[in-house]
């Protein structure tokens, strides 16, 4: 969690995630998709989208985060597809109130995964 919160070093550019953003990898993918949901409060919306919004520019250290964002985006040679997801689920449980349900549905909801695979297979073709 310390690494995910980028609290593993005093200087943002010395954190594990920042260093990871400088490594090769994304350029090997034909399609890069970033999935986000406003219902997921575990991962910040802008972070999951790998996107900096105008209001974020006023936050301290934004310059370093912009550089990290550019490190990632420059390696996505074919661009990216950002997909916003709105899950339909019971909102009365504690897990849903704190945003945990939506976070887990990205990887654990079979219906979502099936829909995702079939939709993007049609968009990108069978060989994606």
N, C-alpha and C. Protein backbone atom coordinates (compact mmCIF):
# COMPACT_ATOMS: atom_id res chain seq x y z
N UNK A 1 0.83 -1.19 0.00
CA UNK A 1 0.00 0.00 0.00
C UNK A 1 0.87 1.26 0.00
N UNK A 2 1.99 1.19 0.66
CA UNK A 2 2.89 2.34 0.69
C UNK A 2 3.33 2.69 -0.73
N UNK A 3 3.66 1.67 -1.52
CA UNK A 3 4.09 1.92 -2.89
C UNK A 3 2.93 2.44 -3.74
N UNK A 4 1.74 1.86 -3.58
CA UNK A 4 0.58 2.29 -4.37
C UNK A 4 0.19 3.73 -4.06
N UNK A 5 0.41 4.15 -2.81
CA UNK A 5 0.11 5.53 -2.43
C UNK A 5 1.27 6.47 -2.73
N UNK A 6 2.34 5.92 -3.28
CA UNK A 6 3.56 6.67 -3.61
C UNK A 6 4.13 7.37 -2.38
N UNK A 7 4.12 6.64 -1.27
CA UNK A 7 4.67 7.14 -0.01
C UNK A 7 5.94 6.39 0.37
N UNK A 8 6.50 5.64 -0.58
CA UNK A 8 7.68 4.83 -0.30
C UNK A 8 8.99 5.60 -0.46
N UNK A 9 8.91 6.87 -0.81
CA UNK A 9 10.09 7.71 -0.90
C UNK A 9 9.67 9.16 -0.67
N UNK A 10 10.59 9.95 -0.18
CA UNK A 10 10.30 11.36 0.09
C UNK A 10 10.04 12.12 -1.21
N UNK A 11 10.88 11.86 -2.20
CA UNK A 11 10.75 12.50 -3.50
C UNK A 11 9.90 11.62 -4.41
N UNK A 12 8.86 12.18 -5.00
CA UNK A 12 7.96 11.43 -5.88
C UNK A 12 8.71 10.68 -6.97
N UNK A 13 9.75 11.28 -7.51
CA UNK A 13 10.49 10.64 -8.61
C UNK A 13 11.32 9.44 -8.14
N UNK A 14 11.41 9.25 -6.83
CA UNK A 14 12.13 8.09 -6.30
C UNK A 14 11.20 6.95 -5.89
N UNK A 15 9.89 7.14 -6.07
CA UNK A 15 8.94 6.09 -5.68
C UNK A 15 8.96 4.95 -6.69
N UNK A 16 8.53 3.80 -6.24
CA UNK A 16 8.51 2.61 -7.10
C UNK A 16 7.64 2.83 -8.33
N UNK A 17 6.44 3.38 -8.15
CA UNK A 17 5.53 3.57 -9.29
C UNK A 17 6.09 4.56 -10.30
N UNK A 18 6.74 5.61 -9.83
CA UNK A 18 7.33 6.56 -10.77
C UNK A 18 8.45 5.88 -11.56
N UNK A 19 9.30 5.14 -10.85
CA UNK A 19 10.40 4.42 -11.53
C UNK A 19 9.83 3.41 -12.53
N UNK A 20 8.73 2.76 -12.15
CA UNK A 20 8.08 1.80 -13.04
C UNK A 20 7.57 2.50 -14.31
N UNK A 21 7.09 3.73 -14.17
CA UNK A 21 6.59 4.47 -15.32
C UNK A 21 7.69 4.78 -16.34
N UNK A 22 8.93 4.72 -15.90
CA UNK A 22 10.06 5.00 -16.78
C UNK A 22 10.54 3.75 -17.53
N UNK A 23 10.04 2.59 -17.12
CA UNK A 23 10.47 1.32 -17.73
C UNK A 23 9.71 1.03 -19.02
N UNK A 24 10.31 0.22 -19.85
CA UNK A 24 9.65 -0.22 -21.07
C UNK A 24 8.51 -1.17 -20.74
N UNK A 25 7.60 -1.31 -21.67
CA UNK A 25 6.52 -2.28 -21.49
C UNK A 25 5.29 -1.97 -22.32
N UNK A 26 4.73 -0.78 -22.14
CA UNK A 26 3.48 -0.45 -22.83
C UNK A 26 3.62 -0.46 -24.35
N UNK A 27 4.80 -0.17 -24.84
CA UNK A 27 4.98 -0.13 -26.30
C UNK A 27 4.84 -1.49 -26.96
N UNK A 28 4.82 -2.55 -26.16
CA UNK A 28 4.67 -3.90 -26.70
C UNK A 28 3.20 -4.30 -26.90
N UNK A 29 2.28 -3.46 -26.45
CA UNK A 29 0.86 -3.77 -26.55
C UNK A 29 0.22 -3.06 -27.73
N UNK A 30 -0.59 -3.80 -28.45
CA UNK A 30 -1.30 -3.23 -29.58
C UNK A 30 -2.44 -2.34 -29.11
N UNK A 31 -3.11 -2.74 -28.03
CA UNK A 31 -4.23 -1.98 -27.47
C UNK A 31 -4.04 -1.84 -25.96
N UNK A 32 -4.19 -0.63 -25.46
CA UNK A 32 -4.12 -0.36 -24.03
C UNK A 32 -5.45 0.25 -23.62
N UNK A 33 -6.12 -0.38 -22.65
CA UNK A 33 -7.41 0.10 -22.17
C UNK A 33 -7.29 0.42 -20.69
N UNK A 34 -7.84 1.56 -20.29
CA UNK A 34 -7.91 1.94 -18.89
C UNK A 34 -9.38 1.97 -18.49
N UNK A 35 -9.74 1.16 -17.52
CA UNK A 35 -11.12 1.09 -17.03
C UNK A 35 -11.26 1.88 -15.74
N UNK A 36 -12.30 2.68 -15.67
CA UNK A 36 -12.55 3.49 -14.48
C UNK A 36 -14.02 3.45 -14.12
N UNK A 37 -14.27 3.78 -12.87
CA UNK A 37 -15.64 3.91 -12.39
C UNK A 37 -15.66 4.92 -11.25
N UNK A 38 -16.58 5.86 -11.33
CA UNK A 38 -16.72 6.82 -10.23
C UNK A 38 -17.19 6.11 -8.96
N UNK A 39 -17.76 4.92 -9.12
CA UNK A 39 -18.21 4.16 -7.95
C UNK A 39 -17.05 3.54 -7.19
N UNK A 40 -15.91 3.42 -7.82
CA UNK A 40 -14.72 2.85 -7.20
C UNK A 40 -13.98 3.97 -6.47
N UNK A 41 -14.04 3.94 -5.15
CA UNK A 41 -13.34 4.97 -4.38
C UNK A 41 -12.01 4.46 -3.83
N UNK A 42 -11.64 3.24 -4.17
CA UNK A 42 -10.36 2.68 -3.76
C UNK A 42 -9.24 3.28 -4.62
N UNK A 43 -9.46 3.33 -5.93
CA UNK A 43 -8.48 3.89 -6.86
C UNK A 43 -9.03 5.22 -7.37
N UNK A 44 -8.30 6.31 -7.20
CA UNK A 44 -8.80 7.60 -7.69
C UNK A 44 -9.09 7.56 -9.19
N UNK A 45 -10.15 8.22 -9.59
CA UNK A 45 -10.61 8.22 -10.98
C UNK A 45 -9.50 8.65 -11.94
N UNK A 46 -8.84 9.77 -11.65
CA UNK A 46 -7.78 10.27 -12.53
C UNK A 46 -6.61 9.30 -12.63
N UNK A 47 -6.36 8.58 -11.55
CA UNK A 47 -5.24 7.65 -11.52
C UNK A 47 -5.53 6.43 -12.40
N UNK A 48 -6.73 5.89 -12.29
CA UNK A 48 -7.10 4.73 -13.09
C UNK A 48 -7.14 5.07 -14.58
N UNK A 49 -7.45 6.31 -14.90
CA UNK A 49 -7.50 6.75 -16.30
C UNK A 49 -6.14 7.16 -16.83
N UNK A 50 -5.15 7.27 -15.95
CA UNK A 50 -3.84 7.81 -16.30
C UNK A 50 -4.07 9.13 -17.05
N UNK A 51 -4.71 10.04 -16.33
CA UNK A 51 -5.11 11.31 -16.93
C UNK A 51 -5.04 12.40 -15.87
N UNK A 52 -4.54 13.55 -16.24
CA UNK A 52 -4.49 14.69 -15.33
C UNK A 52 -5.53 15.70 -15.80
N UNK A 53 -6.38 16.13 -14.87
CA UNK A 53 -7.43 17.08 -15.18
C UNK A 53 -6.97 18.49 -14.81
N UNK A 54 -7.62 19.49 -15.37
CA UNK A 54 -7.26 20.89 -15.15
C UNK A 54 -7.17 21.23 -13.66
N UNK A 55 -8.12 20.79 -12.86
CA UNK A 55 -8.13 21.08 -11.42
C UNK A 55 -6.94 20.47 -10.70
N UNK A 56 -6.39 19.37 -11.25
CA UNK A 56 -5.25 18.71 -10.62
C UNK A 56 -3.98 19.54 -10.72
N UNK A 57 -3.92 20.46 -11.64
CA UNK A 57 -2.71 21.24 -11.86
C UNK A 57 -2.38 22.15 -10.68
N UNK A 58 -3.35 22.39 -9.79
CA UNK A 58 -3.12 23.24 -8.63
C UNK A 58 -2.58 22.46 -7.43
N UNK A 59 -2.52 21.15 -7.52
CA UNK A 59 -2.06 20.30 -6.42
C UNK A 59 -0.54 20.28 -6.40
N UNK A 60 0.08 20.38 -5.20
CA UNK A 60 1.55 20.30 -5.12
C UNK A 60 2.07 19.00 -5.74
N UNK A 61 3.24 19.04 -6.32
CA UNK A 61 3.90 17.91 -6.99
C UNK A 61 3.23 17.51 -8.29
N UNK A 62 2.30 18.30 -8.79
CA UNK A 62 1.61 17.93 -10.02
C UNK A 62 2.59 17.80 -11.18
N UNK A 63 3.63 18.61 -11.21
CA UNK A 63 4.61 18.53 -12.29
C UNK A 63 5.23 17.15 -12.38
N UNK A 64 5.53 16.56 -11.24
CA UNK A 64 6.12 15.22 -11.22
C UNK A 64 5.10 14.17 -11.67
N UNK A 65 3.83 14.39 -11.28
CA UNK A 65 2.79 13.46 -11.70
C UNK A 65 2.51 13.59 -13.19
N UNK A 66 2.60 14.82 -13.71
CA UNK A 66 2.45 15.01 -15.16
C UNK A 66 3.56 14.29 -15.91
N UNK A 67 4.78 14.36 -15.38
CA UNK A 67 5.90 13.66 -16.01
C UNK A 67 5.68 12.15 -15.98
N UNK A 68 5.17 11.65 -14.87
CA UNK A 68 4.88 10.22 -14.74
C UNK A 68 3.80 9.81 -15.75
N UNK A 69 2.78 10.63 -15.86
CA UNK A 69 1.71 10.39 -16.83
C UNK A 69 2.28 10.34 -18.24
N UNK A 70 3.14 11.29 -18.57
CA UNK A 70 3.76 11.33 -19.90
C UNK A 70 4.65 10.13 -20.14
N UNK A 71 5.36 9.68 -19.10
CA UNK A 71 6.19 8.48 -19.23
C UNK A 71 5.34 7.30 -19.72
N UNK A 72 4.17 7.16 -19.14
CA UNK A 72 3.28 6.05 -19.50
C UNK A 72 2.68 6.27 -20.89
N UNK A 73 2.12 7.46 -21.10
CA UNK A 73 1.41 7.73 -22.35
C UNK A 73 2.35 7.69 -23.56
N UNK A 74 3.58 8.13 -23.39
CA UNK A 74 4.53 8.11 -24.51
C UNK A 74 4.86 6.69 -24.95
N UNK A 75 4.67 5.74 -24.08
CA UNK A 75 4.96 4.34 -24.41
C UNK A 75 3.75 3.62 -25.01
N UNK A 76 2.60 4.25 -24.95
CA UNK A 76 1.40 3.67 -25.56
C UNK A 76 1.36 4.13 -27.01
N UNK A 77 2.16 3.47 -27.83
CA UNK A 77 2.39 3.93 -29.21
C UNK A 77 1.13 3.96 -30.06
N UNK A 78 0.15 3.15 -29.76
CA UNK A 78 -1.10 3.12 -30.52
C UNK A 78 -2.21 3.89 -29.81
N UNK A 79 -1.84 4.67 -28.79
CA UNK A 79 -2.84 5.40 -28.03
C UNK A 79 -3.51 4.52 -27.00
N UNK A 80 -4.49 5.08 -26.35
CA UNK A 80 -5.22 4.34 -25.31
C UNK A 80 -6.71 4.48 -25.53
N UNK A 81 -7.45 3.57 -24.94
CA UNK A 81 -8.90 3.65 -24.89
C UNK A 81 -9.27 3.72 -23.42
N UNK A 82 -10.04 4.74 -23.06
CA UNK A 82 -10.49 4.89 -21.68
C UNK A 82 -11.97 4.51 -21.64
N UNK A 83 -12.30 3.64 -20.71
CA UNK A 83 -13.67 3.13 -20.60
C UNK A 83 -14.21 3.43 -19.21
N UNK A 84 -15.30 4.19 -19.15
CA UNK A 84 -15.97 4.47 -17.89
C UNK A 84 -17.07 3.44 -17.69
N UNK A 85 -17.09 2.85 -16.51
CA UNK A 85 -18.04 1.78 -16.21
C UNK A 85 -18.94 2.22 -15.05
N UNK A 86 -20.23 1.96 -15.20
CA UNK A 86 -21.20 2.21 -14.14
C UNK A 86 -21.84 0.88 -13.80
N UNK A 87 -21.49 0.35 -12.63
CA UNK A 87 -21.99 -0.96 -12.22
C UNK A 87 -23.38 -0.84 -11.61
N UNK A 88 -24.20 -1.86 -11.84
CA UNK A 88 -25.53 -1.94 -11.25
C UNK A 88 -25.48 -2.97 -10.13
N UNK A 89 -25.53 -2.51 -8.89
CA UNK A 89 -25.45 -3.42 -7.74
C UNK A 89 -26.17 -2.80 -6.54
N UNK A 90 -26.39 -3.61 -5.54
CA UNK A 90 -27.04 -3.17 -4.30
C UNK A 90 -26.13 -2.16 -3.60
N UNK A 91 -26.62 -0.96 -3.41
CA UNK A 91 -25.80 0.11 -2.83
C UNK A 91 -25.97 0.25 -1.32
N UNK A 92 -26.67 -0.69 -0.70
CA UNK A 92 -26.92 -0.54 0.73
C UNK A 92 -25.87 -1.22 1.62
N UNK A 93 -24.99 -2.01 1.04
CA UNK A 93 -23.98 -2.69 1.86
C UNK A 93 -22.82 -1.75 2.18
N UNK A 94 -22.10 -2.05 3.23
CA UNK A 94 -20.94 -1.25 3.62
C UNK A 94 -19.89 -1.26 2.51
N UNK A 95 -19.67 -2.42 1.90
CA UNK A 95 -18.68 -2.52 0.81
C UNK A 95 -19.00 -1.58 -0.34
N UNK A 96 -20.28 -1.47 -0.67
CA UNK A 96 -20.65 -0.59 -1.78
C UNK A 96 -20.55 0.88 -1.37
N UNK A 97 -20.86 1.17 -0.12
CA UNK A 97 -20.79 2.55 0.36
C UNK A 97 -19.35 3.06 0.33
N UNK A 98 -18.39 2.23 0.68
CA UNK A 98 -16.99 2.67 0.70
C UNK A 98 -16.30 2.50 -0.65
N UNK A 99 -17.01 2.01 -1.65
CA UNK A 99 -16.46 1.89 -3.00
C UNK A 99 -15.74 0.60 -3.28
N UNK A 100 -15.75 -0.32 -2.33
CA UNK A 100 -15.04 -1.58 -2.50
C UNK A 100 -15.72 -2.50 -3.52
N UNK A 101 -17.03 -2.51 -3.54
CA UNK A 101 -17.77 -3.38 -4.45
C UNK A 101 -17.41 -3.10 -5.91
N UNK A 102 -17.46 -1.84 -6.30
CA UNK A 102 -17.14 -1.48 -7.67
C UNK A 102 -15.69 -1.83 -8.00
N UNK A 103 -14.81 -1.61 -7.06
CA UNK A 103 -13.39 -1.93 -7.27
C UNK A 103 -13.21 -3.41 -7.56
N UNK A 104 -13.87 -4.26 -6.81
CA UNK A 104 -13.74 -5.71 -6.98
C UNK A 104 -14.46 -6.23 -8.21
N UNK A 105 -15.49 -5.52 -8.64
CA UNK A 105 -16.26 -5.99 -9.80
C UNK A 105 -15.46 -5.96 -11.09
N UNK A 106 -14.44 -5.12 -11.17
CA UNK A 106 -13.62 -5.08 -12.38
C UNK A 106 -12.96 -6.43 -12.66
N UNK A 107 -12.59 -7.15 -11.62
CA UNK A 107 -11.91 -8.43 -11.85
C UNK A 107 -12.75 -9.64 -11.43
N UNK A 108 -13.76 -9.44 -10.62
CA UNK A 108 -14.48 -10.57 -10.08
C UNK A 108 -15.89 -10.79 -10.60
N UNK A 109 -16.42 -9.86 -11.35
CA UNK A 109 -17.79 -10.00 -11.84
C UNK A 109 -17.77 -10.67 -13.22
N UNK A 110 -18.19 -11.91 -13.29
CA UNK A 110 -18.14 -12.69 -14.53
C UNK A 110 -18.97 -12.06 -15.64
N UNK A 111 -20.10 -11.49 -15.29
CA UNK A 111 -20.96 -10.87 -16.31
C UNK A 111 -20.24 -9.68 -16.93
N UNK A 112 -19.60 -8.85 -16.11
CA UNK A 112 -18.85 -7.71 -16.63
C UNK A 112 -17.71 -8.16 -17.52
N UNK A 113 -16.94 -9.14 -17.05
CA UNK A 113 -15.79 -9.63 -17.82
C UNK A 113 -16.22 -10.21 -19.16
N UNK A 114 -17.31 -10.97 -19.15
CA UNK A 114 -17.83 -11.56 -20.39
C UNK A 114 -18.25 -10.46 -21.37
N UNK A 115 -18.98 -9.47 -20.87
CA UNK A 115 -19.42 -8.35 -21.71
C UNK A 115 -18.22 -7.60 -22.27
N UNK A 116 -17.25 -7.33 -21.42
CA UNK A 116 -16.05 -6.61 -21.83
C UNK A 116 -15.31 -7.34 -22.95
N UNK A 117 -15.05 -8.62 -22.77
CA UNK A 117 -14.30 -9.39 -23.76
C UNK A 117 -15.04 -9.42 -25.09
N UNK A 118 -16.33 -9.67 -25.06
CA UNK A 118 -17.09 -9.75 -26.30
C UNK A 118 -17.20 -8.40 -27.01
N UNK A 119 -17.38 -7.33 -26.26
CA UNK A 119 -17.49 -6.00 -26.87
C UNK A 119 -16.18 -5.61 -27.54
N UNK A 120 -15.07 -5.77 -26.86
CA UNK A 120 -13.80 -5.32 -27.41
C UNK A 120 -13.24 -6.29 -28.45
N UNK A 121 -13.70 -7.50 -28.43
CA UNK A 121 -13.32 -8.44 -29.49
C UNK A 121 -13.90 -7.94 -30.82
N UNK A 122 -15.12 -7.41 -30.77
CA UNK A 122 -15.76 -6.89 -31.97
C UNK A 122 -15.08 -5.61 -32.44
N UNK A 123 -14.63 -4.78 -31.52
CA UNK A 123 -14.01 -3.51 -31.87
C UNK A 123 -12.60 -3.73 -32.43
N UNK A 124 -11.80 -4.53 -31.74
CA UNK A 124 -10.40 -4.69 -32.11
C UNK A 124 -10.15 -5.90 -33.00
N UNK A 125 -11.12 -6.75 -33.14
CA UNK A 125 -10.95 -7.93 -33.97
C UNK A 125 -10.54 -9.13 -33.15
N UNK A 126 -10.65 -10.28 -33.75
CA UNK A 126 -10.36 -11.55 -33.07
C UNK A 126 -8.94 -11.64 -32.57
N UNK A 127 -7.98 -11.04 -33.24
CA UNK A 127 -6.57 -11.20 -32.90
C UNK A 127 -6.04 -10.16 -31.93
N UNK A 128 -6.92 -9.48 -31.20
CA UNK A 128 -6.41 -8.45 -30.30
C UNK A 128 -5.71 -9.10 -29.16
